Amino acid sequence: MKRVYVILVNWNGWQDTIECLESLLLLEYPDFRIVVCDNGSEDDSLQKIRNWADSYEAGYVEYQRTEAETGGFLTADPVLTLIRNCENLGFAGGNNVGLRYAMSRGDAGYCWLLNNDTVVESDALSHLVSRMEQQSTVGICGSTIRLYHDRKQIQALGGGHYCRWIGLPWHYGRFSKWGKGVNQQRAEARMNYVEGASTLVSRQFLDEVGLLCEDYFLYFEEADWAIRANGRFSLGYAAQSVVYHKVGGSIGTSSNPVTKSYTSDYFNIRNRLLFTRRFYPAALPTVWLVIVGALLLRLCLGKWDRAAMISRVLCNRCNVTKP
């Protein structure tokens, strides 16, 4: 069995992270290590996680970012590694620190990027690895993502389809209920990205395609990864790998503009344009029009700050990393 490094990014969410860690310690897979990258949390997250690890008798080692990215102490091999990033590096930046740590250790067969606001079934990782081992061309593999608070409701069956002309992804299986038979081959055929809440990548994929693109800070990293891998690796889906996701638990993600957080709204809008410019420039006019529609909707809802933000995005006057 190849070793798997499970990478979580924590930012002011220690309660969710600890619940996720408790589910990970029940995994049936025989060889895995957990890496928690803290993105400069201001809620004493690291101390809370240290206290939990001590009370749970889960041995751990802790590094600063620079130490971790060179592999840390190679003689130390605890189940849990804590990494202090000291600033908010975003989703991609935080995960990339964990990926560099895992790759520098020299024993990583796979890396499992997992949202910290998830809990997993005990066989979730085993099914992911099994699907990857079945087909050597699969470089990224996704899970069945079900909602944490309504566990029959599906968020995504592995991933989904990104429509370039409107600049929006659609998770395959979204709004359907769990219980019916899942056609894994059909799901894989329709996917052009893997849902980022649970993503297993191979070491070969990381060596050839590279790490996550940090230009986005938040959202669209998984679609960027899939496009960069196109022609070299295929996308996989492990239907029996079940992960429960507290959608919006970390940053207020929502498809509803009434409940979506400002941060979520900003990066979703900004990165649709960034992603489109990078990979589908011919689609810029239609994506621009869709975003104008989003601006008008925020005006109708009386969300003046959101409308102003979208105007700045459309005029290319937004800060690269902060709203």
Protein backbone atom coordinates (compact mmCIF):
# COMPACT_ATOMS: atom_id res chain seq x y z
CA MET A 1 0.00 0.00 0.00
CA LYS A 2 1.25 3.46 -0.92
CA ARG A 3 1.42 6.08 1.80
CA VAL A 4 -1.20 8.82 1.66
CA TYR A 5 -0.79 12.30 3.13
CA VAL A 6 -4.14 13.79 4.12
CA ILE A 7 -3.93 17.59 3.95
CA LEU A 8 -6.33 19.95 5.72
CA VAL A 9 -6.21 23.75 5.65
CA ASN A 10 -7.51 25.43 8.80
CA TRP A 11 -8.44 29.08 9.07
CA ASN A 12 -10.36 30.07 12.21
CA GLY A 13 -12.19 26.75 12.17
CA TRP A 14 -10.69 24.54 14.84
CA GLN A 15 -14.03 22.96 15.84
CA ASP A 16 -14.61 21.68 12.32
CA THR A 17 -10.98 20.63 11.97
CA ILE A 18 -11.04 18.58 15.17
CA GLU A 19 -14.26 16.81 14.13
CA CYS A 20 -12.64 16.02 10.79
CA LEU A 21 -9.49 14.73 12.50
CA GLU A 22 -11.53 12.44 14.74
CA SER A 23 -13.15 10.85 11.68
CA LEU A 24 -9.76 10.50 9.96
CA LEU A 25 -8.29 8.59 12.89
CA LEU A 26 -10.94 5.93 12.23
CA LEU A 27 -9.82 5.33 8.64
CA GLU A 28 -9.29 1.70 7.67
CA TYR A 29 -6.50 2.52 5.23
CA PRO A 30 -3.26 1.13 6.72
CA ASP A 31 -0.72 3.83 5.82
CA PHE A 32 -1.66 7.49 6.06
CA ARG A 33 -0.42 10.65 7.73
CA ILE A 34 -2.41 13.80 8.49
CA VAL A 35 -1.11 17.32 7.85
CA VAL A 36 -2.97 20.38 9.17
CA CYS A 37 -1.82 23.67 7.64
CA ASP A 38 -3.01 26.63 9.68
CA ASN A 39 -3.43 29.80 7.63
CA GLY A 40 -2.70 32.35 10.34
CA SER A 41 -5.85 31.72 12.36
CA GLU A 42 -6.83 34.37 14.90
CA ASP A 43 -9.10 32.18 17.04
CA ASP A 44 -6.32 30.24 18.83
CA SER A 45 -6.93 27.32 16.49
CA LEU A 46 -3.47 25.81 16.80
CA GLN A 47 -3.61 25.71 20.59
CA LYS A 48 -7.07 24.16 20.48
CA ILE A 49 -5.82 21.48 18.10
CA ARG A 50 -2.73 20.88 20.25
CA ASN A 51 -4.93 20.46 23.31
CA TRP A 52 -7.15 18.01 21.45
CA ALA A 53 -4.14 16.00 20.24
CA ASP A 54 -2.76 15.81 23.80
CA SER A 55 -6.08 14.68 25.29
CA TYR A 56 -6.67 12.25 22.44
CA GLU A 57 -3.17 10.87 22.87
CA ALA A 58 -2.52 11.55 19.18
CA GLY A 59 1.19 12.19 18.78
CA TYR A 60 2.11 15.18 16.67
CA VAL A 61 4.99 17.31 15.48
CA GLU A 62 4.82 21.01 14.67
CA TYR A 63 6.75 23.04 12.12
CA GLN A 64 6.95 26.53 10.75
CA ARG A 65 6.24 26.80 7.05
CA THR A 66 9.89 27.01 5.98
CA GLU A 67 10.77 23.92 8.01
CA ALA A 68 7.82 21.95 6.68
CA GLU A 69 8.44 22.70 3.02
CA THR A 70 11.81 20.96 3.22
CA GLY A 71 10.25 17.86 4.81
CA GLY A 72 10.81 18.64 8.48
CA PHE A 73 12.71 16.11 10.56
CA LEU A 74 12.82 12.97 8.42
CA THR A 75 13.29 10.78 11.50
CA ALA A 76 10.02 12.07 12.98
CA ASP A 77 7.01 10.21 11.62
CA PRO A 78 3.91 11.05 13.68
CA VAL A 79 0.34 10.51 12.54
CA LEU A 80 -0.35 14.24 12.82
CA THR A 81 1.76 17.17 11.63
CA LEU A 82 0.83 20.78 12.37
CA ILE A 83 2.23 23.53 10.14
CA ARG A 84 2.13 27.23 11.05
CA ASN A 85 1.75 29.29 7.88
CA CYS A 86 1.46 32.51 9.94
CA GLU A 87 -0.69 34.21 7.27
CA ASN A 88 -3.74 33.43 5.20
CA LEU A 89 -2.36 31.89 2.01
CA GLY A 90 -5.78 30.95 0.65
CA PHE A 91 -6.97 27.48 -0.32
CA ALA A 92 -4.27 26.80 -2.89
CA GLY A 93 -1.43 28.39 -0.95
CA GLY A 94 -2.31 26.59 2.27
CA ASN A 95 -2.63 23.22 0.54
CA ASN A 96 0.58 23.75 -1.42
CA VAL A 97 2.55 24.04 1.82
CA GLY A 98 1.20 20.64 2.83
CA LEU A 99 1.92 19.22 -0.62
CA ARG A 100 5.53 20.45 -0.53
CA TYR A 101 5.93 18.89 2.90
CA ALA A 102 4.59 15.54 1.69
CA MET A 103 6.68 15.54 -1.49
CA SER A 104 9.84 16.50 0.40
CA ARG A 105 9.39 13.53 2.72
CA GLY A 106 9.99 11.20 -0.23
CA ASP A 107 7.42 8.55 0.72
CA ALA A 108 4.16 10.03 -0.58
CA GLY A 109 2.27 7.85 -3.04
CA TYR A 110 -0.85 10.01 -2.94
CA CYS A 111 -2.05 13.22 -1.33
CA TRP A 112 -5.65 13.65 -0.24
CA LEU A 113 -6.78 17.27 -0.16
CA LEU A 114 -9.74 17.40 2.18
CA ASN A 115 -11.78 20.37 3.35
CA ASN A 116 -11.50 20.83 7.10
CA ASP A 117 -15.31 21.17 7.39
CA THR A 118 -15.88 17.55 6.38
CA VAL A 119 -16.16 14.19 8.09
CA VAL A 120 -15.41 10.95 6.29
CA GLU A 121 -16.56 7.36 6.33
CA SER A 122 -13.92 4.96 7.59
CA ASP A 123 -13.47 3.36 4.16
CA ALA A 124 -13.47 6.64 2.18
CA LEU A 125 -9.72 6.70 1.57
CA SER A 126 -9.50 2.99 0.74
CA HIS A 127 -12.06 3.41 -2.06
CA LEU A 128 -10.25 6.45 -3.45
CA VAL A 129 -6.91 4.64 -3.61
CA SER A 130 -8.56 1.54 -5.06
CA ARG A 131 -10.06 3.56 -7.93
CA MET A 132 -6.68 5.16 -8.66
CA GLU A 133 -4.94 1.79 -8.62
CA GLN A 134 -7.48 0.35 -11.09
CA GLN A 135 -6.45 2.77 -13.85
CA SER A 136 -2.98 4.23 -14.06
CA THR A 137 -4.10 7.19 -16.20
CA VAL A 138 -6.28 8.60 -13.39
CA GLY A 139 -4.38 11.47 -11.78
CA ILE A 140 -7.17 13.03 -9.70
CA CYS A 141 -10.02 11.19 -8.03
CA GLY A 142 -13.11 12.51 -6.25
CA SER A 143 -15.55 11.16 -3.68
CA THR A 144 -19.29 11.11 -3.25
CA ILE A 145 -19.86 14.38 -1.39
CA ARG A 146 -23.03 14.43 0.73
CA LEU A 147 -24.29 17.26 2.88
CA TYR A 148 -23.32 17.02 6.53
CA HIS A 149 -26.64 18.32 7.85
CA ASP A 150 -28.80 16.34 5.39
CA ARG A 151 -26.89 13.17 4.67
CA LYS A 152 -29.21 11.88 1.96
CA GLN A 153 -28.63 15.04 -0.08
CA ILE A 154 -25.81 14.92 -2.61
CA GLN A 155 -23.51 17.86 -3.22
CA ALA A 156 -21.45 16.16 -5.93
CA LEU A 157 -20.79 12.74 -7.38
CA GLY A 158 -17.05 13.10 -7.80
CA GLY A 159 -17.09 16.41 -9.58
CA GLY A 160 -19.02 18.12 -12.30
CA HIS A 161 -19.05 20.07 -15.54
CA TYR A 162 -17.73 23.59 -15.95
CA CYS A 163 -19.59 25.56 -18.64
CA ARG A 164 -17.12 27.96 -20.21
CA TRP A 165 -19.79 30.16 -21.80
CA ILE A 166 -21.36 31.25 -18.53
CA GLY A 167 -18.33 30.69 -16.31
CA LEU A 168 -20.09 28.43 -13.85
CA PRO A 169 -19.55 24.86 -12.63
CA TRP A 170 -22.38 22.42 -12.09
CA HIS A 171 -21.72 19.55 -9.70
CA TYR A 172 -22.84 16.22 -11.12
CA GLY A 173 -25.66 14.78 -9.00
CA ARG A 174 -26.42 18.08 -7.31
CA PHE A 175 -29.88 18.25 -5.69
CA SER A 176 -30.37 14.49 -6.05
CA LYS A 177 -30.79 12.07 -3.17
CA TRP A 178 -28.46 9.30 -2.12
CA GLY A 179 -29.78 5.77 -2.33
CA LYS A 180 -30.25 5.21 -6.01
CA GLY A 181 -27.63 3.33 -7.98
CA VAL A 182 -24.73 5.52 -9.08
CA ASN A 183 -23.29 5.05 -12.55
CA GLN A 184 -19.61 5.68 -11.96
CA GLN A 185 -18.65 5.57 -15.65
CA ARG A 186 -21.36 8.06 -16.58
CA ALA A 187 -20.26 10.41 -13.81
CA GLU A 188 -16.63 10.24 -14.94
CA ALA A 189 -17.62 10.84 -18.56
CA ARG A 190 -19.48 14.02 -17.63
CA MET A 191 -16.83 15.46 -15.30
CA ASN A 192 -14.32 18.04 -16.38
CA TYR A 193 -13.24 18.85 -12.81
CA VAL A 194 -13.13 17.06 -9.45
CA GLU A 195 -14.99 18.67 -6.54
CA GLY A 196 -12.36 20.21 -4.29
CA ALA A 197 -13.83 19.19 -0.92
CA SER A 198 -12.26 15.74 -1.42
CA THR A 199 -9.52 15.30 -4.00
CA LEU A 200 -6.96 12.51 -4.15
CA VAL A 201 -3.95 13.19 -6.40
CA SER A 202 -1.09 10.90 -7.30
CA ARG A 203 2.57 11.70 -6.79
CA GLN A 204 3.10 11.29 -10.53
CA PHE A 205 0.39 13.90 -11.17
CA LEU A 206 2.10 16.36 -8.82
CA ASP A 207 5.49 15.75 -10.43
CA GLU A 208 4.19 16.29 -13.97
CA VAL A 209 1.38 18.85 -13.59
CA GLY A 210 2.59 20.74 -10.54
CA LEU A 211 0.92 22.23 -7.50
CA LEU A 212 -2.30 24.21 -7.25
CA CYS A 213 -2.29 27.64 -8.88
CA GLU A 214 -2.19 30.27 -6.14
CA ASP A 215 -3.45 33.12 -8.33
CA TYR A 216 -7.06 32.34 -7.41
CA PHE A 217 -6.67 32.38 -3.60
CA LEU A 218 -10.11 30.73 -3.32
CA TYR A 219 -12.25 28.78 -5.85
CA PHE A 220 -11.48 27.51 -9.38
CA GLU A 221 -8.21 25.84 -8.36
CA GLU A 222 -9.59 22.36 -9.05
CA ALA A 223 -10.85 23.35 -12.52
CA ASP A 224 -7.47 24.92 -13.28
CA TRP A 225 -5.73 21.73 -12.15
CA ALA A 226 -7.94 19.56 -14.37
CA ILE A 227 -7.34 21.69 -17.46
CA ARG A 228 -3.59 21.67 -16.92
CA ALA A 229 -3.71 17.88 -16.66
CA ASN A 230 -5.83 17.43 -19.77
CA GLY A 231 -4.23 15.02 -22.23
CA ARG A 232 -1.89 13.58 -19.62
CA PHE A 233 -4.20 12.36 -16.86
CA SER A 234 -7.87 11.45 -16.63
CA LEU A 235 -10.32 12.24 -13.82
CA GLY A 236 -11.67 9.50 -11.57
CA TYR A 237 -14.61 9.03 -9.24
CA ALA A 238 -14.80 6.56 -6.34
CA ALA A 239 -18.54 6.22 -5.73
CA GLN A 240 -18.18 4.34 -2.44
CA SER A 241 -15.84 6.95 -0.97
CA VAL A 242 -18.31 9.00 1.08
CA VAL A 243 -17.50 12.40 2.56
CA TYR A 244 -19.96 14.64 4.42
CA HIS A 245 -19.47 18.35 3.84
CA LYS A 246 -20.66 21.34 5.87
CA VAL A 247 -21.09 23.47 2.76
CA GLY A 248 -20.19 27.04 3.59
CA GLY A 249 -18.89 26.09 7.00
CA SER A 250 -15.53 27.75 6.44
CA ILE A 251 -16.18 30.89 4.41
CA GLY A 252 -19.92 31.19 3.81
CA THR A 253 -20.11 29.48 0.43
CA SER A 254 -23.62 29.37 -1.02
CA SER A 255 -25.33 29.39 -4.40
CA ASN A 256 -27.88 31.81 -2.94
CA PRO A 257 -26.71 35.45 -3.23
CA VAL A 258 -28.82 36.34 -0.19
CA THR A 259 -26.86 34.06 2.15
CA LYS A 260 -23.47 34.00 0.40
CA SER A 261 -20.71 35.77 2.33
CA TYR A 262 -18.98 38.83 0.88
CA THR A 263 -15.68 36.94 0.65
CA SER A 264 -17.28 34.04 -1.17
CA ASP A 265 -19.12 36.37 -3.55
CA TYR A 266 -15.98 38.34 -4.35
CA PHE A 267 -13.69 35.44 -5.18
CA ASN A 268 -16.39 33.60 -7.10
CA ILE A 269 -17.00 36.61 -9.35
CA ARG A 270 -13.35 37.65 -9.65
CA ASN A 271 -12.07 34.18 -10.48
CA ARG A 272 -14.69 33.47 -13.11
CA LEU A 273 -13.13 36.27 -15.13
CA LEU A 274 -9.55 35.29 -14.26
CA PHE A 275 -10.16 31.63 -15.21
CA THR A 276 -11.96 32.59 -18.41
CA ARG A 277 -9.21 34.98 -19.51
CA ARG A 278 -6.62 32.29 -18.90
CA PHE A 279 -8.25 29.32 -20.62
CA TYR A 280 -11.33 30.42 -22.61
CA PRO A 281 -10.84 34.01 -23.82
CA ALA A 282 -13.43 33.54 -26.58
CA ALA A 283 -16.07 33.13 -23.85
CA LEU A 284 -15.28 36.44 -22.13
CA PRO A 285 -18.21 38.38 -23.67
CA THR A 286 -20.84 35.91 -22.48
CA VAL A 287 -19.27 35.47 -19.06
CA TRP A 288 -19.07 39.26 -18.70
CA LEU A 289 -22.80 39.53 -19.50
CA VAL A 290 -23.65 36.85 -16.92
CA ILE A 291 -21.72 38.78 -14.29
CA VAL A 292 -23.54 41.99 -15.25
CA GLY A 293 -26.72 40.02 -14.53
CA ALA A 294 -25.31 39.13 -11.12
CA LEU A 295 -24.64 42.83 -10.48
CA LEU A 296 -28.25 43.72 -11.35
CA LEU A 297 -29.52 40.97 -9.06
CA ARG A 298 -27.52 42.37 -6.13
CA LEU A 299 -28.99 45.81 -6.84
CA CYS A 300 -32.49 44.34 -6.76
CA LEU A 301 -31.67 42.70 -3.44
CA GLY A 302 -30.40 46.00 -2.01
CA LYS A 303 -26.86 44.65 -1.62
CA TRP A 304 -25.14 47.87 -2.64
CA ASP A 305 -21.70 46.84 -1.39
CA ARG A 306 -21.83 43.68 -3.50
CA ALA A 307 -22.92 45.60 -6.60
CA ALA A 308 -20.06 48.05 -6.10
CA MET A 309 -17.62 45.17 -5.67
CA ILE A 310 -18.80 43.52 -8.92
CA SER A 311 -18.44 46.83 -10.73
CA ARG A 312 -14.82 47.05 -9.58
CA VAL A 313 -14.19 43.48 -10.73
CA LEU A 314 -15.63 44.20 -14.16
CA CYS A 315 -13.48 47.31 -14.42
CA ASN A 316 -10.34 45.35 -13.45
CA ARG A 317 -9.77 47.45 -10.36
CA CYS A 318 -9.81 44.76 -7.65
CA ASN A 319 -6.94 43.74 -5.43
CA VAL A 320 -5.44 40.41 -6.44
CA THR A 321 -5.93 38.60 -3.14
CA LYS A 322 -8.25 40.61 -0.93
CA PRO A 323 -11.79 41.95 -1.43
